[in-house]
Amino acid sequence: MKRGKKYTETVKKYDRAVFHPLPNALDLLKTLSYAKFDESVDLSVKLNLKKNQSVRDTVVLPNQFKGEKRVLVFCKGEKEKEAQEAGAAFVGADDLIEKIKGGWLDFDVAVATPDMMKDVGKLGMVLGRRGLMPNPKTGTVTFDIKTALAELKKGRVEFRADKTGVVHLAVGRVSMDSAKVAENIQTVIAEIKRKKPVDAKGDFIQTISVSSTMGPGIWVKSEE
C-alpha cells in the first residue's frame, strides 16, 4: 500500500517496534498527528481466536466524542409514542421500510421491536452492508425502546472481531484529553476480556495498538 509523503516522514520520528504504556502511546499519537482536521483515535486489538469463535457486543464509552446519533426506530402502535418521547429522529414501520428500499439512509443507527424484524429483515442487503441492521446481540432489537435510546445517546458503540480476529473502533478524538481517551480504551478492553470465549486457549489479547485517522500505529503494552 502506497503511503503519502507526510505519513512516511512521520514514521521516521519514532521506533515502531517499541511497546508503550497507554498514556505514553496517546501522548506520542498527539505529537505524530499531522492532519488539518480533528482526527479520530482508533483502537485495534488483535485477539487469539479460532475460526469458529467470535467476539461481538456493545459498550457504553464513559467519554463521548461524536455528535448525537440520528436513531431510527422500526415499531408500531404505542411503541411509536415511546420512541418519539425517547428522542428518536425517525419512527415508523412499513413507511420507513419502503423509504429505505428507495435508497434513503439518512440515519446513524436503527433500532427495532422484535415484532418488526420479519419485515425489517427484508432490508438485509441494504442495512447489513452498512452495519445498520438491528441485532439482538447489540441491544438494537428490543421492546425496551426507552432504555436502548438512552444508552445510544450516552455513547453506546458496537465492537466485533473481524475475520482476522481484530477488533477495530474509534475511541476518541486527537483533541480530547488523553486521560479521557485512555478511560474509553480501558473500558473497551475490559469489555473485550469479559467476552472471551470459554474455550479460548493461551493469551486472549495478542496485541493492542492506537493510531490517528491518518497516522501510523503505535503499540501499547498490554496489562494482561
C-alpha atoms as a PDB file:
ATOM      1  CA  MET A   1       0.000   0.000   0.000  1.00  0.00           C
ATOM      2  CA  LYS A   2       1.472   3.314  -1.105  1.00  0.00           C
ATOM      3  CA  ARG A   3       1.691   5.956   1.627  1.00  0.00           C
ATOM      4  CA  GLY A   4       1.865   9.735   1.315  1.00  0.00           C
ATOM      5  CA  LYS A   5       4.970  11.828   1.972  1.00  0.00           C
ATOM      6  CA  LYS A   6       3.710  13.137   5.348  1.00  0.00           C
ATOM      7  CA  TYR A   7       2.963   9.627   6.578  1.00  0.00           C
ATOM      8  CA  THR A   8       6.392   8.387   5.503  1.00  0.00           C
ATOM      9  CA  GLU A   9       8.088  11.311   7.273  1.00  0.00           C
ATOM     10  CA  THR A  10       6.046  10.729  10.424  1.00  0.00           C
ATOM     11  CA  VAL A  11       7.012   7.048  10.639  1.00  0.00           C
ATOM     12  CA  LYS A  12      10.682   8.090  10.829  1.00  0.00           C
ATOM     13  CA  LYS A  13      10.047  10.088  14.010  1.00  0.00           C
ATOM     14  CA  TYR A  14       9.624   7.113  16.351  1.00  0.00           C
ATOM     15  CA  ASP A  15      10.588   3.459  16.832  1.00  0.00           C
ATOM     16  CA  ARG A  16       7.686   1.378  15.542  1.00  0.00           C
ATOM     17  CA  ALA A  17       8.914  -1.719  17.388  1.00  0.00           C
ATOM     18  CA  VAL A  18       8.537  -0.229  20.883  1.00  0.00           C
ATOM     19  CA  PHE A  19       5.517  -1.051  23.082  1.00  0.00           C
ATOM     20  CA  HIS A  20       4.418   1.956  25.159  1.00  0.00           C
ATOM     21  CA  PRO A  21       2.323   2.311  28.331  1.00  0.00           C
ATOM     22  CA  LEU A  22      -1.099   3.587  27.281  1.00  0.00           C
ATOM     23  CA  PRO A  23      -0.643   7.224  28.491  1.00  0.00           C
ATOM     24  CA  ASN A  24       2.712   7.460  26.673  1.00  0.00           C
ATOM     25  CA  ALA A  25       1.234   5.947  23.498  1.00  0.00           C
ATOM     26  CA  LEU A  26      -1.539   8.545  23.441  1.00  0.00           C
ATOM     27  CA  ASP A  27       0.902  11.406  24.045  1.00  0.00           C
ATOM     28  CA  LEU A  28       3.049  10.131  21.180  1.00  0.00           C
ATOM     29  CA  LEU A  29      -0.021   9.819  18.965  1.00  0.00           C
ATOM     30  CA  LYS A  30      -0.789  13.507  19.517  1.00  0.00           C
ATOM     31  CA  THR A  31       2.753  14.583  18.615  1.00  0.00           C
ATOM     32  CA  LEU A  32       2.658  12.499  15.429  1.00  0.00           C
ATOM     33  CA  SER A  33      -0.729  13.830  14.251  1.00  0.00           C
ATOM     34  CA  TYR A  34      -0.325  15.937  11.124  1.00  0.00           C
ATOM     35  CA  ALA A  35      -3.798  16.184   9.559  1.00  0.00           C
ATOM     36  CA  LYS A  36      -5.562  19.531   9.303  1.00  0.00           C
ATOM     37  CA  PHE A  37      -8.745  18.143  10.882  1.00  0.00           C
ATOM     38  CA  ASP A  38      -9.514  16.705  14.293  1.00  0.00           C
ATOM     39  CA  GLU A  39      -8.654  13.061  13.650  1.00  0.00           C
ATOM     40  CA  SER A  40     -10.276  10.183  15.467  1.00  0.00           C
ATOM     41  CA  VAL A  41      -8.213   7.999  17.780  1.00  0.00           C
ATOM     42  CA  ASP A  42      -8.591   4.420  16.591  1.00  0.00           C
ATOM     43  CA  LEU A  43      -8.036   1.321  18.711  1.00  0.00           C
ATOM     44  CA  SER A  44      -7.033  -2.058  17.263  1.00  0.00           C
ATOM     45  CA  VAL A  45      -6.979  -5.187  19.429  1.00  0.00           C
ATOM     46  CA  LYS A  46      -5.723  -8.466  17.947  1.00  0.00           C
ATOM     47  CA  LEU A  47      -7.361 -11.461  19.610  1.00  0.00           C
ATOM     48  CA  ASN A  48      -6.335 -15.103  19.743  1.00  0.00           C
ATOM     49  CA  LEU A  49      -9.469 -16.669  18.252  1.00  0.00           C
ATOM     50  CA  LYS A  50     -10.186 -19.916  16.462  1.00  0.00           C
ATOM     51  CA  LYS A  51     -12.154 -19.836  13.214  1.00  0.00           C
ATOM     52  CA  ASN A  52     -15.362 -20.888  14.956  1.00  0.00           C
ATOM     53  CA  GLN A  53     -15.028 -18.277  17.723  1.00  0.00           C
ATOM     54  CA  SER A  54     -16.331 -14.723  17.640  1.00  0.00           C
ATOM     55  CA  VAL A  55     -16.387 -11.690  19.877  1.00  0.00           C
ATOM     56  CA  ARG A  56     -19.174  -9.171  19.467  1.00  0.00           C
ATOM     57  CA  ASP A  57     -21.037  -6.878  21.832  1.00  0.00           C
ATOM     58  CA  THR A  58     -21.693  -3.254  22.681  1.00  0.00           C
ATOM     59  CA  VAL A  59     -20.165  -0.969  25.271  1.00  0.00           C
ATOM     60  CA  VAL A  60     -21.073   2.465  26.613  1.00  0.00           C
ATOM     61  CA  LEU A  61     -17.984   4.676  26.438  1.00  0.00           C
ATOM     62  CA  PRO A  62     -17.614   6.933  29.503  1.00  0.00           C
ATOM     63  CA  ASN A  63     -16.499   9.917  27.401  1.00  0.00           C
ATOM     64  CA  GLN A  64     -18.413  10.902  24.272  1.00  0.00           C
ATOM     65  CA  PHE A  65     -16.654  12.327  21.256  1.00  0.00           C
ATOM     66  CA  LYS A  66     -19.209  12.202  18.448  1.00  0.00           C
ATOM     67  CA  GLY A  67     -22.276  14.271  17.729  1.00  0.00           C
ATOM     68  CA  GLU A  68     -25.648  12.914  18.778  1.00  0.00           C
ATOM     69  CA  LYS A  69     -26.664   9.918  16.710  1.00  0.00           C
ATOM     70  CA  ARG A  70     -29.732  10.036  14.478  1.00  0.00           C
ATOM     71  CA  VAL A  71     -31.641   6.993  15.654  1.00  0.00           C
ATOM     72  CA  LEU A  72     -34.338   5.360  13.527  1.00  0.00           C
ATOM     73  CA  VAL A  73     -36.842   3.101  15.272  1.00  0.00           C
ATOM     74  CA  PHE A  74     -38.963   0.485  13.499  1.00  0.00           C
ATOM     75  CA  CYS A  75     -42.073  -0.027  15.623  1.00  0.00           C
ATOM     76  CA  LYS A  76     -45.864   0.106  15.670  1.00  0.00           C
ATOM     77  CA  GLY A  77     -48.693   1.201  17.935  1.00  0.00           C
ATOM     78  CA  GLU A  78     -47.970   2.600  21.376  1.00  0.00           C
ATOM     79  CA  LYS A  79     -44.248   1.952  20.905  1.00  0.00           C
ATOM     80  CA  GLU A  80     -44.185   4.817  18.398  1.00  0.00           C
ATOM     81  CA  LYS A  81     -45.002   7.312  21.154  1.00  0.00           C
ATOM     82  CA  GLU A  82     -42.338   5.778  23.421  1.00  0.00           C
ATOM     83  CA  ALA A  83     -39.735   6.114  20.664  1.00  0.00           C
ATOM     84  CA  GLN A  84     -40.679   9.718  19.942  1.00  0.00           C
ATOM     85  CA  GLU A  85     -40.570  10.682  23.616  1.00  0.00           C
ATOM     86  CA  ALA A  86     -37.193   8.939  23.971  1.00  0.00           C
ATOM     87  CA  GLY A  87     -35.740  11.168  21.253  1.00  0.00           C
ATOM     88  CA  ALA A  88     -35.746   9.005  18.130  1.00  0.00           C
ATOM     89  CA  ALA A  89     -35.075  11.018  14.975  1.00  0.00           C
ATOM     90  CA  PHE A  90     -37.314   8.786  12.830  1.00  0.00           C
ATOM     91  CA  VAL A  91     -40.155   6.489  13.890  1.00  0.00           C
ATOM     92  CA  GLY A  92     -42.326   4.247  11.750  1.00  0.00           C
ATOM     93  CA  ALA A  93     -42.915   0.827  10.238  1.00  0.00           C
ATOM     94  CA  ASP A  94     -43.836  -0.022   6.646  1.00  0.00           C
ATOM     95  CA  ASP A  95     -43.425   3.611   5.596  1.00  0.00           C
ATOM     96  CA  LEU A  96     -39.766   3.661   6.686  1.00  0.00           C
ATOM     97  CA  ILE A  97     -39.111   0.252   5.152  1.00  0.00           C
ATOM     98  CA  GLU A  98     -40.363   1.472   1.783  1.00  0.00           C
ATOM     99  CA  LYS A  99     -38.376   4.691   2.100  1.00  0.00           C
ATOM    100  CA  ILE A 100     -35.173   2.735   2.742  1.00  0.00           C
ATOM    101  CA  LYS A 101     -35.920   0.418  -0.191  1.00  0.00           C
ATOM    102  CA  GLY A 102     -35.967   3.573  -2.269  1.00  0.00           C
ATOM    103  CA  GLY A 103     -32.415   4.411  -1.253  1.00  0.00           C
ATOM    104  CA  TRP A 104     -32.886   6.674   1.776  1.00  0.00           C
ATOM    105  CA  LEU A 105     -30.329   6.067   4.551  1.00  0.00           C
ATOM    106  CA  ASP A 106     -30.089   9.380   6.380  1.00  0.00           C
ATOM    107  CA  PHE A 107     -29.633   7.936   9.891  1.00  0.00           C
ATOM    108  CA  ASP A 108     -26.792   6.578  12.036  1.00  0.00           C
ATOM    109  CA  VAL A 109     -28.302   3.603  13.858  1.00  0.00           C
ATOM    110  CA  ALA A 110     -31.501   1.562  13.616  1.00  0.00           C
ATOM    111  CA  VAL A 111     -33.498   0.011  16.441  1.00  0.00           C
ATOM    112  CA  ALA A 112     -36.458  -2.346  16.001  1.00  0.00           C
ATOM    113  CA  THR A 113     -39.008  -4.046  18.201  1.00  0.00           C
ATOM    114  CA  PRO A 114     -38.905  -7.866  17.824  1.00  0.00           C
ATOM    115  CA  ASP A 115     -42.304  -7.979  16.111  1.00  0.00           C
ATOM    116  CA  MET A 116     -40.930  -5.784  13.298  1.00  0.00           C
ATOM    117  CA  MET A 117     -37.925  -7.944  12.437  1.00  0.00           C
ATOM    118  CA  LYS A 118     -39.749 -10.165   9.956  1.00  0.00           C
ATOM    119  CA  ASP A 119     -40.330  -7.128   7.745  1.00  0.00           C
ATOM    120  CA  VAL A 120     -37.102  -5.311   8.609  1.00  0.00           C
ATOM    121  CA  GLY A 121     -35.205  -8.489   7.680  1.00  0.00           C
ATOM    122  CA  LYS A 122     -36.170  -7.841   4.054  1.00  0.00           C
ATOM    123  CA  LEU A 123     -33.765  -4.890   4.163  1.00  0.00           C
ATOM    124  CA  GLY A 124     -30.833  -7.183   4.975  1.00  0.00           C
ATOM    125  CA  MET A 125     -28.898  -6.481   1.798  1.00  0.00           C
ATOM    126  CA  VAL A 126     -29.218  -2.724   2.267  1.00  0.00           C
ATOM    127  CA  LEU A 127     -28.778  -2.346   6.022  1.00  0.00           C
ATOM    128  CA  GLY A 128     -26.381  -5.257   6.505  1.00  0.00           C
ATOM    129  CA  ARG A 129     -23.767  -3.865   4.119  1.00  0.00           C
ATOM    130  CA  ARG A 130     -23.680  -0.615   6.094  1.00  0.00           C
ATOM    131  CA  GLY A 131     -23.743  -2.166   9.558  1.00  0.00           C
ATOM    132  CA  LEU A 132     -27.203  -0.729  10.235  1.00  0.00           C
ATOM    133  CA  MET A 133     -29.233  -3.918  10.661  1.00  0.00           C
ATOM    134  CA  PRO A 134     -30.824  -4.159  14.142  1.00  0.00           C
ATOM    135  CA  ASN A 135     -29.464  -7.119  16.086  1.00  0.00           C
ATOM    136  CA  PRO A 136     -30.412  -8.607  19.485  1.00  0.00           C
ATOM    137  CA  LYS A 137     -26.700  -9.061  20.302  1.00  0.00           C
ATOM    138  CA  THR A 138     -26.131  -5.314  20.115  1.00  0.00           C
ATOM    139  CA  GLY A 139     -29.279  -4.393  22.013  1.00  0.00           C
ATOM    140  CA  THR A 140     -30.938  -2.854  18.972  1.00  0.00           C
ATOM    141  CA  VAL A 141     -33.771  -5.402  18.777  1.00  0.00           C
ATOM    142  CA  THR A 142     -35.842  -4.802  21.881  1.00  0.00           C
ATOM    143  CA  PHE A 143     -39.234  -3.767  23.227  1.00  0.00           C
ATOM    144  CA  ASP A 144     -37.451  -1.519  25.740  1.00  0.00           C
ATOM    145  CA  ILE A 145     -37.053   1.381  23.317  1.00  0.00           C
ATOM    146  CA  LYS A 146     -36.535   3.950  26.061  1.00  0.00           C
ATOM    147  CA  THR A 147     -33.501   2.200  27.539  1.00  0.00           C
ATOM    148  CA  ALA A 148     -31.986   1.413  24.136  1.00  0.00           C
ATOM    149  CA  LEU A 149     -32.143   5.040  23.026  1.00  0.00           C
ATOM    150  CA  ALA A 150     -30.829   6.315  26.350  1.00  0.00           C
ATOM    151  CA  GLU A 151     -27.733   4.106  26.042  1.00  0.00           C
ATOM    152  CA  LEU A 152     -27.185   5.001  22.389  1.00  0.00           C
ATOM    153  CA  LYS A 153     -27.302   8.688  23.291  1.00  0.00           C
ATOM    154  CA  LYS A 154     -24.821   8.121  26.123  1.00  0.00           C
ATOM    155  CA  GLY A 155     -22.335   6.771  23.605  1.00  0.00           C
ATOM    156  CA  ARG A 156     -23.002   3.061  23.277  1.00  0.00           C
ATOM    157  CA  VAL A 157     -20.957   1.596  20.427  1.00  0.00           C
ATOM    158  CA  GLU A 158     -20.658  -1.833  18.894  1.00  0.00           C
ATOM    159  CA  PHE A 159     -17.427  -3.780  18.684  1.00  0.00           C
ATOM    160  CA  ARG A 160     -16.749  -7.030  16.869  1.00  0.00           C
ATOM    161  CA  ALA A 161     -13.759  -9.073  15.797  1.00  0.00           C
ATOM    162  CA  ASP A 162     -13.282  -9.293  12.033  1.00  0.00           C
ATOM    163  CA  LYS A 163     -12.250 -12.422  10.123  1.00  0.00           C
ATOM    164  CA  THR A 164      -8.636 -11.935  11.189  1.00  0.00           C
ATOM    165  CA  GLY A 165      -9.548 -11.641  14.878  1.00  0.00           C
ATOM    166  CA  VAL A 166      -9.040  -7.872  15.104  1.00  0.00           C
ATOM    167  CA  VAL A 167     -11.421  -5.550  16.950  1.00  0.00           C
ATOM    168  CA  HIS A 168     -11.141  -2.069  15.448  1.00  0.00           C
ATOM    169  CA  LEU A 169     -13.117   1.003  16.545  1.00  0.00           C
ATOM    170  CA  ALA A 170     -12.824   4.736  17.162  1.00  0.00           C
ATOM    171  CA  VAL A 171     -12.451   5.648  20.837  1.00  0.00           C
ATOM    172  CA  GLY A 172     -11.906   9.405  20.814  1.00  0.00           C
ATOM    173  CA  ARG A 173     -10.502  12.466  19.071  1.00  0.00           C
ATOM    174  CA  VAL A 174      -6.930  13.735  18.947  1.00  0.00           C
ATOM    175  CA  SER A 175      -8.135  16.993  20.537  1.00  0.00           C
ATOM    176  CA  MET A 176      -9.555  15.169  23.581  1.00  0.00           C
ATOM    177  CA  ASP A 177      -7.840  14.996  26.942  1.00  0.00           C
ATOM    178  CA  SER A 178      -5.624  11.908  26.769  1.00  0.00           C
ATOM    179  CA  ALA A 179      -6.921  10.717  30.156  1.00  0.00           C
ATOM    180  CA  LYS A 180     -10.471  10.590  28.762  1.00  0.00           C
ATOM    181  CA  VAL A 181      -9.366   8.687  25.659  1.00  0.00           C
ATOM    182  CA  ALA A 182      -7.449   6.267  27.897  1.00  0.00           C
ATOM    183  CA  GLU A 183     -10.573   5.722  30.002  1.00  0.00           C
ATOM    184  CA  ASN A 184     -12.542   4.869  26.852  1.00  0.00           C
ATOM    185  CA  ILE A 185      -9.843   2.425  25.752  1.00  0.00           C
ATOM    186  CA  GLN A 186      -9.672   0.742  29.151  1.00  0.00           C
ATOM    187  CA  THR A 187     -13.460   0.376  29.134  1.00  0.00           C
ATOM    188  CA  VAL A 188     -13.419  -1.288  25.699  1.00  0.00           C
ATOM    189  CA  ILE A 189     -10.570  -3.650  26.592  1.00  0.00           C
ATOM    190  CA  ALA A 190     -12.278  -4.663  29.843  1.00  0.00           C
ATOM    191  CA  GLU A 191     -15.439  -5.481  27.905  1.00  0.00           C
ATOM    192  CA  ILE A 192     -13.493  -7.438  25.274  1.00  0.00           C
ATOM    193  CA  LYS A 193     -11.879  -9.506  28.037  1.00  0.00           C
ATOM    194  CA  ARG A 194     -15.312 -10.167  29.509  1.00  0.00           C
ATOM    195  CA  LYS A 195     -16.390 -11.641  26.147  1.00  0.00           C
ATOM    196  CA  LYS A 196     -13.504 -14.105  25.998  1.00  0.00           C
ATOM    197  CA  PRO A 197     -14.835 -17.458  24.695  1.00  0.00           C
ATOM    198  CA  VAL A 198     -14.804 -20.123  27.409  1.00  0.00           C
ATOM    199  CA  ASP A 199     -12.777 -22.461  25.183  1.00  0.00           C
ATOM    200  CA  ALA A 200     -10.179 -19.857  24.161  1.00  0.00           C
ATOM    201  CA  LYS A 201      -6.598 -21.032  24.752  1.00  0.00           C
ATOM    202  CA  GLY A 202      -3.420 -19.082  25.500  1.00  0.00           C
ATOM    203  CA  ASP A 203      -3.140 -15.301  25.702  1.00  0.00           C
ATOM    204  CA  PHE A 204      -6.504 -13.930  24.601  1.00  0.00           C
ATOM    205  CA  ILE A 205      -5.276 -10.426  23.749  1.00  0.00           C
ATOM    206  CA  GLN A 206      -2.240 -10.662  21.485  1.00  0.00           C
ATOM    207  CA  THR A 207      -1.547  -7.024  20.590  1.00  0.00           C
ATOM    208  CA  ILE A 208      -3.046  -3.573  21.168  1.00  0.00           C
ATOM    209  CA  SER A 209      -2.327  -0.518  19.063  1.00  0.00           C
ATOM    210  CA  VAL A 210      -3.634   3.022  18.670  1.00  0.00           C
ATOM    211  CA  SER A 211      -3.463   5.384  15.727  1.00  0.00           C
ATOM    212  CA  SER A 212      -4.965   8.600  14.472  1.00  0.00           C
ATOM    213  CA  THR A 213      -7.093   8.567  11.310  1.00  0.00           C
ATOM    214  CA  MET A 214      -4.170   9.417   9.047  1.00  0.00           C
ATOM    215  CA  GLY A 215      -1.277   8.385  11.280  1.00  0.00           C
ATOM    216  CA  PRO A 216       0.737   5.219  11.843  1.00  0.00           C
ATOM    217  CA  GLY A 217       0.015   2.632  14.511  1.00  0.00           C
ATOM    218  CA  ILE A 218       1.629   2.758  17.954  1.00  0.00           C
ATOM    219  CA  TRP A 219       1.986  -0.401  20.033  1.00  0.00           C
ATOM    220  CA  VAL A 220       0.504  -0.372  23.524  1.00  0.00           C
ATOM    221  CA  LYS A 221       1.739  -2.528  26.399  1.00  0.00           C
ATOM    222  CA  SER A 222      -0.965  -4.982  27.427  1.00  0.00           C
ATOM    223  CA  GLU A 223      -1.800  -5.186  31.121  1.00  0.00           C
ATOM    224  CA  GLU A 224      -2.893  -8.806  30.723  1.00  0.00           C
END
